[in-house]
Amino acid sequence: MTTQDKLKSLIENCVYYEYTQAADPIGSGAISKVPYAEFASELHETGGTGIIPLDISAALGCEGPATSPALCANFVRILANEALNTNFNATSQLFYVMRGSGHTEFDGIDIPWKKGDFVVLPTAKETRHFAASDSTFYLVHDEPLLRYLGVKADTQRFKPTLYISEDSLRELDKVRKEAEAANRNRISVLLANKEIDQTLTVTHTLWAMLGVLPKGAVQLPHRHQSVALDLILDCAPGCYTLVGTKISKSGEIINATRIDWKPYSVFITPSGHWHAHYNESSSEAHLIPMQDAGLQTYLRTLDIKFVLPDGGTSGG
């Protein structure tokens, strides 16, 4: 190759834009917005052992599977006495056991699990899940982020961690009693890890919450720059979320989209969208949102804000 050919190869991909043409790629349509999407429980209630990615990569315009630009949520179904191997190129993966029991082998460690447990695993390694009874997980990992960066997960940032159901429910009950005494309707516990002490999140990229929405509760709108992948655990008709891009001076979401909750279903709340939760039923409801808010918090870009009772906002 001649010197001229080498120079041509080095500059052939150069492009220049006038500032206003490229400063907002989402607004210009060069990159797509995160859409609203729902994934019904019917996806995991029947069928054989396997992984069901909640994939919207076509809408995102990225390589799939992906449920947000950084994360992929999945339903995982394993029939009794069967096993499933996984090996995601991910720095973090978290699964919540919706039903069943069994154990997981990871890096020479055997991790037992049952309904209501959370299991959090680091790095890209062969993982083998065994089911003692028909089992279903909700599993979220950050492989889409690594795929975009073009990197391989080979550094373990935390140890495999098991959050057992009895402990998380006890902590949620403790928070519930404190909330009742203070007349708060936001009742939830955030999962965290001692090794992730800067962002106070479950991993350095992932954020996870176990929450309860009391009967009759109205949680005023809030918003953040992380995409939320919300798993509904249990609810009665009359539980729903309103989502929209703008709020009025009185703190109400303008032209809101309504998402009705359904047990063991998942819906996406796009980044930057205001959302409010309502329980107009006669029983409480539980949910598990997961986000890439560990990463967003570390980057100082989460920008979470809450609507106050007087219509103003707080947060930063």
C-alpha atoms as a PDB file:
ATOM      1  CA  MET A   1       0.000   0.000   0.000  1.00  0.00           C
ATOM      2  CA  THR A   2       1.362   3.394  -0.984  1.00  0.00           C
ATOM      3  CA  THR A   3       1.641   6.327   1.410  1.00  0.00           C
ATOM      4  CA  GLN A   4      -1.232   7.975  -0.419  1.00  0.00           C
ATOM      5  CA  ASP A   5      -3.403   4.859  -0.025  1.00  0.00           C
ATOM      6  CA  LYS A   6      -2.591   4.684   3.686  1.00  0.00           C
ATOM      7  CA  LEU A   7      -3.589   8.312   4.144  1.00  0.00           C
ATOM      8  CA  LYS A   8      -6.808   7.752   2.198  1.00  0.00           C
ATOM      9  CA  SER A   9      -7.653   4.779   4.440  1.00  0.00           C
ATOM     10  CA  LEU A  10      -7.118   6.916   7.547  1.00  0.00           C
ATOM     11  CA  ILE A  11      -9.440   9.719   6.483  1.00  0.00           C
ATOM     12  CA  GLU A  12     -12.120   7.873   4.469  1.00  0.00           C
ATOM     13  CA  ASN A  13     -14.565   7.711   7.400  1.00  0.00           C
ATOM     14  CA  CYS A  14     -14.299  11.361   8.418  1.00  0.00           C
ATOM     15  CA  VAL A  15     -17.604  13.273   8.493  1.00  0.00           C
ATOM     16  CA  TYR A  16     -18.268  16.870   9.567  1.00  0.00           C
ATOM     17  CA  TYR A  17     -21.586  18.341  10.712  1.00  0.00           C
ATOM     18  CA  GLU A  18     -22.695  21.873  11.355  1.00  0.00           C
ATOM     19  CA  TYR A  19     -23.376  21.984  15.120  1.00  0.00           C
ATOM     20  CA  THR A  20     -27.183  22.313  15.028  1.00  0.00           C
ATOM     21  CA  GLN A  21     -27.450  19.339  12.663  1.00  0.00           C
ATOM     22  CA  ALA A  22     -25.787  16.894  15.092  1.00  0.00           C
ATOM     23  CA  ALA A  23     -26.115  18.299  18.624  1.00  0.00           C
ATOM     24  CA  ASP A  24     -29.407  16.426  19.205  1.00  0.00           C
ATOM     25  CA  PRO A  25     -29.300  13.054  17.411  1.00  0.00           C
ATOM     26  CA  ILE A  26     -32.526  11.904  19.095  1.00  0.00           C
ATOM     27  CA  GLY A  27     -34.424  15.026  18.100  1.00  0.00           C
ATOM     28  CA  SER A  28     -33.140  14.795  14.530  1.00  0.00           C
ATOM     29  CA  GLY A  29     -34.075  11.123  14.281  1.00  0.00           C
ATOM     30  CA  ALA A  30     -30.500   9.872  13.796  1.00  0.00           C
ATOM     31  CA  ILE A  31     -30.948   7.724  16.896  1.00  0.00           C
ATOM     32  CA  SER A  32     -34.316   6.356  18.034  1.00  0.00           C
ATOM     33  CA  LYS A  33     -36.090   7.086  21.296  1.00  0.00           C
ATOM     34  CA  VAL A  34     -36.736   4.328  23.820  1.00  0.00           C
ATOM     35  CA  PRO A  35     -40.351   3.275  23.169  1.00  0.00           C
ATOM     36  CA  TYR A  36     -43.068   2.227  25.572  1.00  0.00           C
ATOM     37  CA  ALA A  37     -43.366  -1.550  25.587  1.00  0.00           C
ATOM     38  CA  GLU A  38     -45.108  -4.259  27.612  1.00  0.00           C
ATOM     39  CA  PHE A  39     -44.297  -7.961  27.955  1.00  0.00           C
ATOM     40  CA  ALA A  40     -47.103 -10.215  29.202  1.00  0.00           C
ATOM     41  CA  SER A  41     -46.780 -13.108  31.633  1.00  0.00           C
ATOM     42  CA  GLU A  42     -48.034 -15.455  28.902  1.00  0.00           C
ATOM     43  CA  LEU A  43     -44.479 -15.368  27.514  1.00  0.00           C
ATOM     44  CA  HIS A  44     -43.174 -17.488  30.395  1.00  0.00           C
ATOM     45  CA  GLU A  45     -46.209 -19.454  31.562  1.00  0.00           C
ATOM     46  CA  THR A  46     -45.907 -22.281  29.024  1.00  0.00           C
ATOM     47  CA  GLY A  47     -43.259 -23.962  26.926  1.00  0.00           C
ATOM     48  CA  GLY A  48     -40.025 -25.774  27.553  1.00  0.00           C
ATOM     49  CA  THR A  49     -36.770 -24.822  29.193  1.00  0.00           C
ATOM     50  CA  GLY A  50     -35.257 -21.718  27.624  1.00  0.00           C
ATOM     51  CA  ILE A  51     -34.584 -17.973  27.661  1.00  0.00           C
ATOM     52  CA  ILE A  52     -37.166 -15.479  26.392  1.00  0.00           C
ATOM     53  CA  PRO A  53     -35.419 -12.122  25.726  1.00  0.00           C
ATOM     54  CA  LEU A  54     -37.650  -9.059  26.027  1.00  0.00           C
ATOM     55  CA  ASP A  55     -36.181  -7.686  22.843  1.00  0.00           C
ATOM     56  CA  ILE A  56     -36.864  -4.261  21.327  1.00  0.00           C
ATOM     57  CA  SER A  57     -33.523  -3.963  19.534  1.00  0.00           C
ATOM     58  CA  ALA A  58     -35.258  -3.349  16.183  1.00  0.00           C
ATOM     59  CA  ALA A  59     -36.986  -0.274  17.629  1.00  0.00           C
ATOM     60  CA  LEU A  60     -33.733   0.874  19.253  1.00  0.00           C
ATOM     61  CA  GLY A  61     -31.760   0.342  16.057  1.00  0.00           C
ATOM     62  CA  CYS A  62     -29.087  -1.692  17.819  1.00  0.00           C
ATOM     63  CA  GLU A  63     -27.770  -5.252  17.801  1.00  0.00           C
ATOM     64  CA  GLY A  64     -30.005  -7.496  19.899  1.00  0.00           C
ATOM     65  CA  PRO A  65     -31.300  -8.745  22.066  1.00  0.00           C
ATOM     66  CA  ALA A  66     -31.760  -5.556  24.095  1.00  0.00           C
ATOM     67  CA  THR A  67     -34.556  -4.082  26.214  1.00  0.00           C
ATOM     68  CA  SER A  68     -32.831  -0.718  26.627  1.00  0.00           C
ATOM     69  CA  PRO A  69     -29.630   0.708  25.155  1.00  0.00           C
ATOM     70  CA  ALA A  70     -27.653  -0.729  28.102  1.00  0.00           C
ATOM     71  CA  LEU A  71     -29.676  -3.666  29.434  1.00  0.00           C
ATOM     72  CA  CYS A  72     -31.417  -6.848  28.345  1.00  0.00           C
ATOM     73  CA  ALA A  73     -34.303  -8.243  30.390  1.00  0.00           C
ATOM     74  CA  ASN A  74     -35.335 -11.853  29.998  1.00  0.00           C
ATOM     75  CA  PHE A  75     -37.838 -14.374  31.244  1.00  0.00           C
ATOM     76  CA  VAL A  76     -36.070 -17.667  31.962  1.00  0.00           C
ATOM     77  CA  ARG A  77     -38.086 -20.870  32.207  1.00  0.00           C
ATOM     78  CA  ILE A  78     -36.577 -24.152  33.463  1.00  0.00           C
ATOM     79  CA  LEU A  79     -38.687 -27.270  33.832  1.00  0.00           C
ATOM     80  CA  ALA A  80     -38.319 -29.533  36.866  1.00  0.00           C
ATOM     81  CA  ASN A  81     -35.151 -31.648  36.884  1.00  0.00           C
ATOM     82  CA  GLU A  82     -33.757 -29.832  33.859  1.00  0.00           C
ATOM     83  CA  ALA A  83     -30.792 -27.465  33.509  1.00  0.00           C
ATOM     84  CA  LEU A  84     -29.972 -24.398  31.442  1.00  0.00           C
ATOM     85  CA  ASN A  85     -26.531 -23.021  30.551  1.00  0.00           C
ATOM     86  CA  THR A  86     -25.937 -19.291  30.036  1.00  0.00           C
ATOM     87  CA  ASN A  87     -22.835 -17.218  29.337  1.00  0.00           C
ATOM     88  CA  PHE A  88     -23.552 -13.522  28.850  1.00  0.00           C
ATOM     89  CA  ASN A  89     -20.772 -11.057  28.040  1.00  0.00           C
ATOM     90  CA  ALA A  90     -21.914  -8.903  30.942  1.00  0.00           C
ATOM     91  CA  THR A  91     -20.315  -7.204  33.947  1.00  0.00           C
ATOM     92  CA  SER A  92     -23.527  -7.703  35.954  1.00  0.00           C
ATOM     93  CA  GLN A  93     -26.501 -10.014  35.855  1.00  0.00           C
ATOM     94  CA  LEU A  94     -29.341 -10.188  38.346  1.00  0.00           C
ATOM     95  CA  PHE A  95     -32.217 -12.621  38.447  1.00  0.00           C
ATOM     96  CA  TYR A  96     -35.315 -12.704  40.625  1.00  0.00           C
ATOM     97  CA  VAL A  97     -36.992 -16.067  41.147  1.00  0.00           C
ATOM     98  CA  MET A  98     -40.688 -15.693  40.330  1.00  0.00           C
ATOM     99  CA  ARG A  99     -41.493 -19.349  40.951  1.00  0.00           C
ATOM    100  CA  GLY A 100     -39.763 -22.623  41.686  1.00  0.00           C
ATOM    101  CA  SER A 101     -36.525 -23.654  43.375  1.00  0.00           C
ATOM    102  CA  GLY A 102     -33.124 -24.976  42.443  1.00  0.00           C
ATOM    103  CA  HIS A 103     -29.495 -23.895  42.370  1.00  0.00           C
ATOM    104  CA  THR A 104     -26.961 -22.191  40.128  1.00  0.00           C
ATOM    105  CA  GLU A 105     -23.316 -23.153  39.529  1.00  0.00           C
ATOM    106  CA  PHE A 106     -21.047 -20.177  38.835  1.00  0.00           C
ATOM    107  CA  ASP A 107     -17.244 -20.075  38.951  1.00  0.00           C
ATOM    108  CA  GLY A 108     -17.054 -23.105  41.252  1.00  0.00           C
ATOM    109  CA  ILE A 109     -19.731 -21.761  43.621  1.00  0.00           C
ATOM    110  CA  ASP A 110     -23.111 -23.417  44.187  1.00  0.00           C
ATOM    111  CA  ILE A 111     -25.895 -20.910  44.868  1.00  0.00           C
ATOM    112  CA  PRO A 112     -29.253 -22.233  46.129  1.00  0.00           C
ATOM    113  CA  TRP A 113     -32.392 -20.272  45.272  1.00  0.00           C
ATOM    114  CA  LYS A 114     -36.152 -20.360  45.741  1.00  0.00           C
ATOM    115  CA  LYS A 115     -39.154 -18.145  45.031  1.00  0.00           C
ATOM    116  CA  GLY A 116     -38.550 -14.550  46.103  1.00  0.00           C
ATOM    117  CA  ASP A 117     -34.742 -14.726  46.103  1.00  0.00           C
ATOM    118  CA  PHE A 118     -32.453 -12.403  44.128  1.00  0.00           C
ATOM    119  CA  VAL A 119     -29.147 -13.713  42.731  1.00  0.00           C
ATOM    120  CA  VAL A 120     -26.502 -11.284  41.437  1.00  0.00           C
ATOM    121  CA  LEU A 121     -23.517 -12.495  39.393  1.00  0.00           C
ATOM    122  CA  PRO A 122     -20.438 -10.719  37.944  1.00  0.00           C
ATOM    123  CA  THR A 123     -18.421 -11.127  34.721  1.00  0.00           C
ATOM    124  CA  ALA A 124     -18.843 -13.311  31.675  1.00  0.00           C
ATOM    125  CA  LYS A 125     -18.538 -16.918  32.794  1.00  0.00           C
ATOM    126  CA  GLU A 126     -20.308 -20.166  32.016  1.00  0.00           C
ATOM    127  CA  THR A 127     -23.308 -20.426  34.335  1.00  0.00           C
ATOM    128  CA  ARG A 128     -25.470 -23.516  34.842  1.00  0.00           C
ATOM    129  CA  HIS A 129     -28.947 -23.311  36.383  1.00  0.00           C
ATOM    130  CA  PHE A 130     -30.665 -26.450  37.760  1.00  0.00           C
ATOM    131  CA  ALA A 131     -34.378 -26.535  38.632  1.00  0.00           C
ATOM    132  CA  ALA A 132     -35.728 -28.828  41.356  1.00  0.00           C
ATOM    133  CA  SER A 133     -39.265 -27.800  40.385  1.00  0.00           C
ATOM    134  CA  ASP A 134     -40.729 -25.847  37.462  1.00  0.00           C
ATOM    135  CA  SER A 135     -38.994 -22.484  37.786  1.00  0.00           C
ATOM    136  CA  THR A 136     -39.173 -19.026  36.240  1.00  0.00           C
ATOM    137  CA  PHE A 137     -36.704 -16.107  36.596  1.00  0.00           C
ATOM    138  CA  TYR A 138     -36.757 -12.470  35.648  1.00  0.00           C
ATOM    139  CA  LEU A 139     -33.143 -11.907  34.573  1.00  0.00           C
ATOM    140  CA  VAL A 140     -31.511  -8.588  33.631  1.00  0.00           C
ATOM    141  CA  HIS A 141     -27.906  -8.138  32.439  1.00  0.00           C
ATOM    142  CA  ASP A 142     -25.798  -5.381  30.869  1.00  0.00           C
ATOM    143  CA  GLU A 143     -24.523  -7.199  27.770  1.00  0.00           C
ATOM    144  CA  PRO A 144     -26.029  -4.576  25.368  1.00  0.00           C
ATOM    145  CA  LEU A 145     -23.798  -1.929  26.976  1.00  0.00           C
ATOM    146  CA  LEU A 146     -20.668  -4.045  26.502  1.00  0.00           C
ATOM    147  CA  ARG A 147     -21.722  -4.933  22.973  1.00  0.00           C
ATOM    148  CA  TYR A 148     -21.942  -1.218  22.145  1.00  0.00           C
ATOM    149  CA  LEU A 149     -18.561  -0.501  23.753  1.00  0.00           C
ATOM    150  CA  GLY A 150     -16.974  -3.463  21.980  1.00  0.00           C
ATOM    151  CA  VAL A 151     -15.419  -4.875  25.149  1.00  0.00           C
ATOM    152  CA  LYS A 152     -15.199  -8.192  26.990  1.00  0.00           C
ATOM    153  CA  ALA A 153     -16.179  -8.540  30.653  1.00  0.00           C
ATOM    154  CA  ASP A 154     -13.155 -10.092  32.347  1.00  0.00           C
ATOM    155  CA  THR A 155     -12.817  -8.190  35.644  1.00  0.00           C
ATOM    156  CA  GLN A 156     -14.973  -9.181  38.603  1.00  0.00           C
ATOM    157  CA  ARG A 157     -16.171  -6.055  40.421  1.00  0.00           C
ATOM    158  CA  PHE A 158     -18.090  -7.876  43.175  1.00  0.00           C
ATOM    159  CA  LYS A 159     -18.668 -11.376  44.493  1.00  0.00           C
ATOM    160  CA  PRO A 160     -21.691 -13.516  43.600  1.00  0.00           C
ATOM    161  CA  THR A 161     -24.404 -12.410  46.011  1.00  0.00           C
ATOM    162  CA  LEU A 162     -27.653 -13.991  47.211  1.00  0.00           C
ATOM    163  CA  TYR A 163     -30.452 -11.829  48.625  1.00  0.00           C
ATOM    164  CA  ILE A 164     -32.808 -14.313  50.254  1.00  0.00           C
ATOM    165  CA  SER A 165     -36.543 -13.704  50.286  1.00  0.00           C
ATOM    166  CA  GLU A 166     -36.880 -13.740  54.068  1.00  0.00           C
ATOM    167  CA  ASP A 167     -34.325 -10.939  54.457  1.00  0.00           C
ATOM    168  CA  SER A 168     -35.657  -8.668  51.715  1.00  0.00           C
ATOM    169  CA  LEU A 169     -39.273  -9.046  52.907  1.00  0.00           C
ATOM    170  CA  ARG A 170     -38.224  -8.353  56.490  1.00  0.00           C
ATOM    171  CA  GLU A 171     -36.462  -5.163  55.405  1.00  0.00           C
ATOM    172  CA  LEU A 172     -39.481  -4.141  53.329  1.00  0.00           C
ATOM    173  CA  ASP A 173     -41.765  -4.676  56.331  1.00  0.00           C
ATOM    174  CA  LYS A 174     -39.462  -2.533  58.467  1.00  0.00           C
ATOM    175  CA  VAL A 175     -39.613   0.248  55.882  1.00  0.00           C
ATOM    176  CA  ARG A 176     -43.404  -0.140  55.686  1.00  0.00           C
ATOM    177  CA  LYS A 177     -43.774   0.485  59.425  1.00  0.00           C
ATOM    178  CA  GLU A 178     -41.514   3.530  59.235  1.00  0.00           C
ATOM    179  CA  ALA A 179     -43.496   4.853  56.257  1.00  0.00           C
ATOM    180  CA  GLU A 180     -46.816   4.392  58.049  1.00  0.00           C
ATOM    181  CA  ALA A 181     -45.488   6.319  61.048  1.00  0.00           C
ATOM    182  CA  ALA A 182     -44.319   9.157  58.774  1.00  0.00           C
ATOM    183  CA  ASN A 183     -47.392   8.989  56.488  1.00  0.00           C
ATOM    184  CA  ARG A 184     -45.298   8.159  53.399  1.00  0.00           C
ATOM    185  CA  ASN A 185     -46.726   6.183  50.481  1.00  0.00           C
ATOM    186  CA  ARG A 186     -43.367   5.376  48.853  1.00  0.00           C
ATOM    187  CA  ILE A 187     -42.415   2.077  50.463  1.00  0.00           C
ATOM    188  CA  SER A 188     -39.427   0.254  49.020  1.00  0.00           C
ATOM    189  CA  VAL A 189     -35.978  -1.127  49.713  1.00  0.00           C
ATOM    190  CA  LEU A 190     -33.016  -0.752  47.403  1.00  0.00           C
ATOM    191  CA  LEU A 191     -30.701  -3.714  47.015  1.00  0.00           C
ATOM    192  CA  ALA A 192     -27.070  -2.725  47.549  1.00  0.00           C
ATOM    193  CA  ASN A 193     -23.637  -4.316  47.826  1.00  0.00           C
ATOM    194  CA  LYS A 194     -20.847  -3.485  50.291  1.00  0.00           C
ATOM    195  CA  GLU A 195     -18.333  -3.485  47.446  1.00  0.00           C
ATOM    196  CA  ILE A 196     -20.331  -0.868  45.486  1.00  0.00           C
ATOM    197  CA  ASP A 197     -20.056   1.888  48.073  1.00  0.00           C
ATOM    198  CA  GLN A 198     -20.023   4.953  45.803  1.00  0.00           C
ATOM    199  CA  THR A 199     -23.331   4.513  44.004  1.00  0.00           C
ATOM    200  CA  LEU A 200     -25.116   2.532  46.787  1.00  0.00           C
ATOM    201  CA  THR A 201     -26.532   0.181  44.136  1.00  0.00           C
ATOM    202  CA  VAL A 202     -26.753  -3.581  43.668  1.00  0.00           C
ATOM    203  CA  THR A 203     -23.875  -3.560  41.134  1.00  0.00           C
ATOM    204  CA  HIS A 204     -21.733  -0.854  39.563  1.00  0.00           C
ATOM    205  CA  THR A 205     -24.158  -0.735  36.590  1.00  0.00           C
ATOM    206  CA  LEU A 206     -27.451  -2.160  37.891  1.00  0.00           C
ATOM    207  CA  TRP A 207     -30.015  -0.679  40.295  1.00  0.00           C
ATOM    208  CA  ALA A 208     -32.808  -2.818  41.753  1.00  0.00           C
ATOM    209  CA  MET A 209     -35.699  -2.102  44.101  1.00  0.00           C
ATOM    210  CA  LEU A 210     -38.328  -4.191  45.864  1.00  0.00           C
ATOM    211  CA  GLY A 211     -41.388  -2.035  46.472  1.00  0.00           C
ATOM    212  CA  VAL A 212     -44.960  -2.176  47.671  1.00  0.00           C
ATOM    213  CA  LEU A 213     -47.753   0.120  46.475  1.00  0.00           C
ATOM    214  CA  PRO A 214     -50.345   0.298  49.273  1.00  0.00           C
ATOM    215  CA  LYS A 215     -54.022   0.089  48.466  1.00  0.00           C
ATOM    216  CA  GLY A 216     -55.413   3.525  47.689  1.00  0.00           C
ATOM    217  CA  ALA A 217     -51.921   4.959  47.194  1.00  0.00           C
ATOM    218  CA  VAL A 218     -51.048   7.657  44.690  1.00  0.00           C
ATOM    219  CA  GLN A 219     -47.319   8.124  44.204  1.00  0.00           C
ATOM    220  CA  LEU A 220     -46.686  11.569  42.753  1.00  0.00           C
ATOM    221  CA  PRO A 221     -44.715  11.756  39.492  1.00  0.00           C
ATOM    222  CA  HIS A 222     -40.942  11.393  39.328  1.00  0.00           C
ATOM    223  CA  ARG A 223     -38.438  10.948  36.529  1.00  0.00           C
ATOM    224  CA  HIS A 224     -34.808   9.953  35.934  1.00  0.00           C
ATOM    225  CA  GLN A 225     -32.455   9.501  33.009  1.00  0.00           C
ATOM    226  CA  SER A 226     -32.121   5.720  33.424  1.00  0.00           C
ATOM    227  CA  VAL A 227     -34.545   3.448  31.577  1.00  0.00           C
ATOM    228  CA  ALA A 228     -36.709   1.455  34.027  1.00  0.00           C
ATOM    229  CA  LEU A 229     -37.587  -2.188  33.335  1.00  0.00           C
ATOM    230  CA  ASP A 230     -40.461  -2.804  35.754  1.00  0.00           C
ATOM    231  CA  LEU A 231     -41.558  -6.288  36.826  1.00  0.00           C
ATOM    232  CA  ILE A 232     -44.971  -6.405  38.510  1.00  0.00           C
ATOM    233  CA  LEU A 233     -45.139  -9.194  41.082  1.00  0.00           C
ATOM    234  CA  ASP A 234     -48.744  -9.074  42.257  1.00  0.00           C
ATOM    235  CA  CYS A 235     -51.626  -6.656  41.857  1.00  0.00           C
ATOM    236  CA  ALA A 236     -55.378  -6.416  41.506  1.00  0.00           C
ATOM    237  CA  PRO A 237     -57.233  -4.577  38.732  1.00  0.00           C
ATOM    238  CA  GLY A 238     -56.987  -0.841  39.376  1.00  0.00           C
ATOM    239  CA  CYS A 239     -53.180  -0.658  39.654  1.00  0.00           C
ATOM    240  CA  TYR A 240     -51.537   1.349  36.888  1.00  0.00           C
ATOM    241  CA  THR A 241     -48.813   3.795  35.914  1.00  0.00           C
ATOM    242  CA  LEU A 242     -49.219   7.077  34.051  1.00  0.00           C
ATOM    243  CA  VAL A 243     -46.245   8.096  31.891  1.00  0.00           C
ATOM    244  CA  GLY A 244     -45.522  11.235  29.907  1.00  0.00           C
ATOM    245  CA  THR A 245     -42.822  13.668  28.892  1.00  0.00           C
ATOM    246  CA  LYS A 246     -44.221  16.812  30.528  1.00  0.00           C
ATOM    247  CA  ILE A 247     -45.897  17.880  33.755  1.00  0.00           C
ATOM    248  CA  SER A 248     -48.234  20.802  34.395  1.00  0.00           C
ATOM    249  CA  LYS A 249     -47.609  23.609  36.876  1.00  0.00           C
ATOM    250  CA  SER A 250     -49.780  21.691  39.333  1.00  0.00           C
ATOM    251  CA  GLY A 251     -47.543  18.607  39.004  1.00  0.00           C
ATOM    252  CA  GLU A 252     -49.805  16.438  36.821  1.00  0.00           C
ATOM    253  CA  ILE A 253     -48.531  14.487  33.812  1.00  0.00           C
ATOM    254  CA  ILE A 254     -49.745  16.041  30.554  1.00  0.00           C
ATOM    255  CA  ASN A 255     -51.206  13.718  27.864  1.00  0.00           C
ATOM    256  CA  ALA A 256     -50.213  10.686  29.917  1.00  0.00           C
ATOM    257  CA  THR A 257     -50.059   7.119  28.605  1.00  0.00           C
ATOM    258  CA  ARG A 258     -51.685   4.619  30.970  1.00  0.00           C
ATOM    259  CA  ILE A 259     -50.049   1.237  31.613  1.00  0.00           C
ATOM    260  CA  ASP A 260     -52.255  -1.192  33.523  1.00  0.00           C
ATOM    261  CA  TRP A 261     -50.356  -3.539  35.801  1.00  0.00           C
ATOM    262  CA  LYS A 262     -50.577  -7.305  35.366  1.00  0.00           C
ATOM    263  CA  PRO A 263     -48.962  -9.948  37.629  1.00  0.00           C
ATOM    264  CA  TYR A 264     -45.559 -11.200  36.468  1.00  0.00           C
ATOM    265  CA  SER A 265     -45.539  -8.876  33.464  1.00  0.00           C
ATOM    266  CA  VAL A 266     -42.923  -6.258  32.539  1.00  0.00           C
ATOM    267  CA  PHE A 267     -43.144  -2.766  31.070  1.00  0.00           C
ATOM    268  CA  ILE A 268     -40.565  -0.180  30.000  1.00  0.00           C
ATOM    269  CA  THR A 269     -40.484   3.382  31.319  1.00  0.00           C
ATOM    270  CA  PRO A 270     -38.272   5.432  28.945  1.00  0.00           C
ATOM    271  CA  SER A 271     -35.558   7.699  30.290  1.00  0.00           C
ATOM    272  CA  GLY A 272     -36.570  11.234  31.194  1.00  0.00           C
ATOM    273  CA  HIS A 273     -40.302  10.448  31.234  1.00  0.00           C
ATOM    274  CA  TRP A 274     -42.387  11.479  34.212  1.00  0.00           C
ATOM    275  CA  HIS A 275     -44.276   8.546  35.737  1.00  0.00           C
ATOM    276  CA  ALA A 276     -46.708   8.123  38.618  1.00  0.00           C
ATOM    277  CA  HIS A 277     -48.071   4.942  40.201  1.00  0.00           C
ATOM    278  CA  TYR A 278     -51.692   4.451  41.306  1.00  0.00           C
ATOM    279  CA  ASN A 279     -53.399   1.715  43.284  1.00  0.00           C
ATOM    280  CA  GLU A 280     -57.172   2.084  43.108  1.00  0.00           C
ATOM    281  CA  SER A 281     -57.742  -1.542  44.138  1.00  0.00           C
ATOM    282  CA  SER A 282     -58.558  -2.941  47.567  1.00  0.00           C
ATOM    283  CA  SER A 283     -55.234  -4.770  48.016  1.00  0.00           C
ATOM    284  CA  GLU A 284     -51.559  -3.814  47.976  1.00  0.00           C
ATOM    285  CA  ALA A 285     -49.304  -4.510  45.012  1.00  0.00           C
ATOM    286  CA  HIS A 286     -45.590  -5.298  44.680  1.00  0.00           C
ATOM    287  CA  LEU A 287     -43.078  -4.455  41.969  1.00  0.00           C
ATOM    288  CA  ILE A 288     -39.390  -4.756  41.106  1.00  0.00           C
ATOM    289  CA  PRO A 289     -37.952  -2.022  38.880  1.00  0.00           C
ATOM    290  CA  MET A 290     -34.445  -2.546  37.484  1.00  0.00           C
ATOM    291  CA  GLN A 291     -32.381   0.143  35.771  1.00  0.00           C
ATOM    292  CA  ASP A 292     -28.858   1.009  34.647  1.00  0.00           C
ATOM    293  CA  ALA A 293     -28.911   3.632  37.422  1.00  0.00           C
ATOM    294  CA  GLY A 294     -25.702   2.298  38.965  1.00  0.00           C
ATOM    295  CA  LEU A 295     -23.860   3.473  35.871  1.00  0.00           C
ATOM    296  CA  GLN A 296     -25.914   6.672  35.594  1.00  0.00           C
ATOM    297  CA  THR A 297     -25.272   7.532  39.244  1.00  0.00           C
ATOM    298  CA  TYR A 298     -21.523   7.047  38.833  1.00  0.00           C
ATOM    299  CA  LEU A 299     -21.567   9.279  35.738  1.00  0.00           C
ATOM    300  CA  ARG A 300     -23.558  11.896  37.733  1.00  0.00           C
ATOM    301  CA  THR A 301     -26.232  11.884  35.034  1.00  0.00           C
ATOM    302  CA  LEU A 302     -29.183  10.164  36.773  1.00  0.00           C
ATOM    303  CA  ASP A 303     -30.858  13.530  37.460  1.00  0.00           C
ATOM    304  CA  ILE A 304     -33.773  12.118  39.477  1.00  0.00           C
ATOM    305  CA  LYS A 305     -36.574  14.530  40.318  1.00  0.00           C
ATOM    306  CA  PHE A 306     -39.828  14.202  42.287  1.00  0.00           C
ATOM    307  CA  VAL A 307     -43.022  16.218  42.114  1.00  0.00           C
ATOM    308  CA  LEU A 308     -43.858  17.688  45.533  1.00  0.00           C
ATOM    309  CA  PRO A 309     -47.423  17.950  46.933  1.00  0.00           C
ATOM    310  CA  ASP A 310     -47.473  21.679  46.056  1.00  0.00           C
ATOM    311  CA  GLY A 311     -46.620  20.936  42.419  1.00  0.00           C
ATOM    312  CA  GLY A 312     -42.955  21.884  42.656  1.00  0.00           C
ATOM    313  CA  THR A 313     -40.079  19.462  42.098  1.00  0.00           C
ATOM    314  CA  SER A 314     -37.117  18.280  44.136  1.00  0.00           C
ATOM    315  CA  GLY A 315     -33.987  16.280  43.369  1.00  0.00           C
ATOM    316  CA  GLY A 316     -30.936  16.708  41.270  1.00  0.00           C
END
